[in-house]
Amino acid sequence: MLHLLSPQISSTGFARSCRFRHFCHNLQPRLTRTLLHAFLDPTKALPQHYGAIQGLAALGPNVVCLLILPNLDSYMQLLEPEMILEKQKNEIKRHEAWRVYGAFAVCCLLQLILFGSAMEGLQQQ
């Protein structure tokens, strides 16, 4: 189970390091590119995809909107067979697939919350 926890810890740690971008001006673009490549590479293991999604989400709502959400449909076509008992007999891989699905759900939920609060602010003006 430790292999599922370490991508989350490392991805959010990388995202937090972007606060120090005044030391290295191109840190966030390089980190974003690295995480995006890990997310879009179908040969990577699901825990790596999970960590990439968590890291991209930690970089902020703009990154989620621009990089994760446009790729959601095509990624879900690859993920769905890994989540179904009849197609994926390995319980660990199914669990990993459901964790990736949960990371997507959190990203989408946060986008809806941010969109809703932005709409409220516009209506109050």
C-alpha atoms as a PDB file:
ATOM      1  CA  MET A   1       0.000   0.000   0.000  1.00  0.00           C
ATOM      2  CA  LEU A   2       3.022   2.265   0.454  1.00  0.00           C
ATOM      3  CA  HIS A   3       3.483   2.432  -3.327  1.00  0.00           C
ATOM      4  CA  LEU A   4       0.074   4.141  -3.555  1.00  0.00           C
ATOM      5  CA  LEU A   5       0.951   6.744  -0.942  1.00  0.00           C
ATOM      6  CA  SER A   6       4.338   7.843  -2.261  1.00  0.00           C
ATOM      7  CA  PRO A   7       3.062   9.343  -5.574  1.00  0.00           C
ATOM      8  CA  GLN A   8       0.660  11.538  -3.614  1.00  0.00           C
ATOM      9  CA  ILE A   9       3.359  12.726  -1.234  1.00  0.00           C
ATOM     10  CA  SER A  10       5.910  13.397  -3.958  1.00  0.00           C
ATOM     11  CA  SER A  11       3.488  15.096  -6.365  1.00  0.00           C
ATOM     12  CA  THR A  12       2.152  17.529  -3.780  1.00  0.00           C
ATOM     13  CA  GLY A  13       5.704  18.153  -2.568  1.00  0.00           C
ATOM     14  CA  PHE A  14       6.760  19.082  -6.091  1.00  0.00           C
ATOM     15  CA  ALA A  15       3.778  21.373  -6.445  1.00  0.00           C
ATOM     16  CA  ARG A  16       4.607  23.098  -3.162  1.00  0.00           C
ATOM     17  CA  SER A  17       8.160  23.654  -4.364  1.00  0.00           C
ATOM     18  CA  CYS A  18       6.748  25.913  -7.083  1.00  0.00           C
ATOM     19  CA  ARG A  19       6.328  28.511  -4.356  1.00  0.00           C
ATOM     20  CA  PHE A  20      10.074  28.984  -4.599  1.00  0.00           C
ATOM     21  CA  ARG A  21       9.956  29.839  -8.300  1.00  0.00           C
ATOM     22  CA  HIS A  22      11.772  33.113  -7.671  1.00  0.00           C
ATOM     23  CA  PHE A  23      14.909  30.965  -7.345  1.00  0.00           C
ATOM     24  CA  CYS A  24      14.232  29.123 -10.576  1.00  0.00           C
ATOM     25  CA  HIS A  25      11.880  30.970 -12.918  1.00  0.00           C
ATOM     26  CA  ASN A  26      11.106  27.984 -15.138  1.00  0.00           C
ATOM     27  CA  LEU A  27      10.426  25.471 -12.354  1.00  0.00           C
ATOM     28  CA  GLN A  28       6.639  25.385 -12.690  1.00  0.00           C
ATOM     29  CA  PRO A  29       6.597  24.939 -16.502  1.00  0.00           C
ATOM     30  CA  ARG A  30       9.180  22.148 -16.264  1.00  0.00           C
ATOM     31  CA  LEU A  31       7.294  20.436 -13.455  1.00  0.00           C
ATOM     32  CA  THR A  32       3.996  20.782 -15.308  1.00  0.00           C
ATOM     33  CA  ARG A  33       5.504  19.293 -18.464  1.00  0.00           C
ATOM     34  CA  THR A  34       6.986  16.356 -16.530  1.00  0.00           C
ATOM     35  CA  LEU A  35       3.701  15.605 -14.759  1.00  0.00           C
ATOM     36  CA  LEU A  36       1.720  15.943 -17.990  1.00  0.00           C
ATOM     37  CA  HIS A  37       4.013  13.485 -19.776  1.00  0.00           C
ATOM     38  CA  ALA A  38       3.583  10.982 -16.919  1.00  0.00           C
ATOM     39  CA  PHE A  39      -0.194  11.455 -17.004  1.00  0.00           C
ATOM     40  CA  LEU A  40      -0.503  10.989 -20.776  1.00  0.00           C
ATOM     41  CA  ASP A  41       1.914   8.051 -21.088  1.00  0.00           C
ATOM     42  CA  PRO A  42      -0.165   4.834 -21.274  1.00  0.00           C
ATOM     43  CA  THR A  43       2.902   2.712 -20.506  1.00  0.00           C
ATOM     44  CA  LYS A  44       3.237   4.202 -17.012  1.00  0.00           C
ATOM     45  CA  ALA A  45       1.747   2.357 -14.052  1.00  0.00           C
ATOM     46  CA  LEU A  46      -1.510   3.576 -12.525  1.00  0.00           C
ATOM     47  CA  PRO A  47       0.173   4.824  -9.314  1.00  0.00           C
ATOM     48  CA  GLN A  48       2.351   7.066 -11.531  1.00  0.00           C
ATOM     49  CA  HIS A  49      -0.764   8.380 -13.272  1.00  0.00           C
ATOM     50  CA  TYR A  50      -2.351   8.977  -9.875  1.00  0.00           C
ATOM     51  CA  GLY A  51       0.677  10.949  -8.709  1.00  0.00           C
ATOM     52  CA  ALA A  52       0.727  12.964 -11.937  1.00  0.00           C
ATOM     53  CA  ILE A  53      -2.969  13.846 -11.565  1.00  0.00           C
ATOM     54  CA  GLN A  54      -2.463  14.809  -7.918  1.00  0.00           C
ATOM     55  CA  GLY A  55       0.567  16.923  -8.809  1.00  0.00           C
ATOM     56  CA  LEU A  56      -1.188  18.692 -11.683  1.00  0.00           C
ATOM     57  CA  ALA A  57      -4.219  19.351  -9.481  1.00  0.00           C
ATOM     58  CA  ALA A  58      -1.965  20.785  -6.766  1.00  0.00           C
ATOM     59  CA  LEU A  59      -0.629  23.284  -9.295  1.00  0.00           C
ATOM     60  CA  GLY A  60      -4.019  24.958  -9.391  1.00  0.00           C
ATOM     61  CA  PRO A  61      -7.390  25.152 -11.086  1.00  0.00           C
ATOM     62  CA  ASN A  62      -6.012  26.600 -14.318  1.00  0.00           C
ATOM     63  CA  VAL A  63      -3.770  23.554 -14.773  1.00  0.00           C
ATOM     64  CA  VAL A  64      -6.725  21.240 -14.122  1.00  0.00           C
ATOM     65  CA  CYS A  65      -8.896  23.135 -16.588  1.00  0.00           C
ATOM     66  CA  LEU A  66      -6.261  23.318 -19.323  1.00  0.00           C
ATOM     67  CA  LEU A  67      -4.478  19.959 -18.999  1.00  0.00           C
ATOM     68  CA  ILE A  68      -6.559  17.397 -17.121  1.00  0.00           C
ATOM     69  CA  LEU A  69     -10.167  18.038 -18.152  1.00  0.00           C
ATOM     70  CA  PRO A  70      -9.542  18.071 -21.941  1.00  0.00           C
ATOM     71  CA  ASN A  71      -7.911  14.627 -21.664  1.00  0.00           C
ATOM     72  CA  LEU A  72     -10.520  13.151 -19.344  1.00  0.00           C
ATOM     73  CA  ASP A  73     -12.696  11.376 -21.945  1.00  0.00           C
ATOM     74  CA  SER A  74      -9.859   9.626 -23.736  1.00  0.00           C
ATOM     75  CA  TYR A  75      -8.177   8.688 -20.455  1.00  0.00           C
ATOM     76  CA  MET A  76     -11.412   7.240 -19.057  1.00  0.00           C
ATOM     77  CA  GLN A  77     -11.653   4.926 -22.083  1.00  0.00           C
ATOM     78  CA  LEU A  78      -8.330   3.432 -20.990  1.00  0.00           C
ATOM     79  CA  LEU A  79      -9.178   3.431 -17.284  1.00  0.00           C
ATOM     80  CA  GLU A  80     -12.683   1.908 -17.331  1.00  0.00           C
ATOM     81  CA  PRO A  81     -11.597  -1.650 -18.270  1.00  0.00           C
ATOM     82  CA  GLU A  82      -9.138  -1.608 -15.361  1.00  0.00           C
ATOM     83  CA  MET A  83     -11.984  -0.824 -12.939  1.00  0.00           C
ATOM     84  CA  ILE A  84     -14.356  -3.648 -13.928  1.00  0.00           C
ATOM     85  CA  LEU A  85     -14.090  -6.970 -12.108  1.00  0.00           C
ATOM     86  CA  GLU A  86     -14.868  -9.048 -15.205  1.00  0.00           C
ATOM     87  CA  LYS A  87     -12.077  -7.395 -17.210  1.00  0.00           C
ATOM     88  CA  GLN A  88      -9.442  -6.876 -14.515  1.00  0.00           C
ATOM     89  CA  LYS A  89      -9.060  -9.853 -12.194  1.00  0.00           C
ATOM     90  CA  ASN A  90      -6.084  -8.380 -10.302  1.00  0.00           C
ATOM     91  CA  GLU A  91      -7.559  -6.740  -7.208  1.00  0.00           C
ATOM     92  CA  ILE A  92      -4.568  -4.443  -6.663  1.00  0.00           C
ATOM     93  CA  LYS A  93      -4.764  -3.058 -10.195  1.00  0.00           C
ATOM     94  CA  ARG A  94      -8.519  -2.518  -9.793  1.00  0.00           C
ATOM     95  CA  HIS A  95      -7.868  -0.662  -6.541  1.00  0.00           C
ATOM     96  CA  GLU A  96      -5.235   1.499  -8.257  1.00  0.00           C
ATOM     97  CA  ALA A  97      -7.677   2.262 -11.084  1.00  0.00           C
ATOM     98  CA  TRP A  98     -10.349   3.336  -8.613  1.00  0.00           C
ATOM     99  CA  ARG A  99      -7.834   5.621  -6.877  1.00  0.00           C
ATOM    100  CA  VAL A 100      -7.053   7.289 -10.210  1.00  0.00           C
ATOM    101  CA  TYR A 101     -10.796   7.632 -10.811  1.00  0.00           C
ATOM    102  CA  GLY A 102     -11.134   9.228  -7.367  1.00  0.00           C
ATOM    103  CA  ALA A 103      -8.375  11.717  -8.184  1.00  0.00           C
ATOM    104  CA  PHE A 104     -10.311  12.695 -11.315  1.00  0.00           C
ATOM    105  CA  ALA A 105     -13.502  13.035  -9.295  1.00  0.00           C
ATOM    106  CA  VAL A 106     -11.819  15.375  -6.817  1.00  0.00           C
ATOM    107  CA  CYS A 107     -10.397  17.496  -9.661  1.00  0.00           C
ATOM    108  CA  CYS A 108     -13.805  17.802 -11.297  1.00  0.00           C
ATOM    109  CA  LEU A 109     -15.537  18.555  -7.994  1.00  0.00           C
ATOM    110  CA  LEU A 110     -13.058  21.311  -7.177  1.00  0.00           C
ATOM    111  CA  GLN A 111     -13.569  22.822 -10.638  1.00  0.00           C
ATOM    112  CA  LEU A 112     -17.351  22.834 -10.095  1.00  0.00           C
ATOM    113  CA  ILE A 113     -16.965  24.466  -6.684  1.00  0.00           C
ATOM    114  CA  LEU A 114     -14.646  27.140  -8.073  1.00  0.00           C
ATOM    115  CA  PHE A 115     -16.939  27.733 -11.045  1.00  0.00           C
ATOM    116  CA  GLY A 116     -19.959  28.000  -8.745  1.00  0.00           C
ATOM    117  CA  SER A 117     -18.275  30.506  -6.439  1.00  0.00           C
ATOM    118  CA  ALA A 118     -17.113  32.541  -9.439  1.00  0.00           C
ATOM    119  CA  MET A 119     -20.685  32.618 -10.751  1.00  0.00           C
ATOM    120  CA  GLU A 120     -21.959  33.736  -7.335  1.00  0.00           C
ATOM    121  CA  GLY A 121     -19.447  36.576  -7.360  1.00  0.00           C
ATOM    122  CA  LEU A 122     -20.626  37.700 -10.787  1.00  0.00           C
ATOM    123  CA  GLN A 123     -24.274  37.597  -9.741  1.00  0.00           C
ATOM    124  CA  GLN A 124     -23.589  39.748  -6.672  1.00  0.00           C
ATOM    125  CA  GLN A 125     -22.017  42.494  -8.772  1.00  0.00           C
END
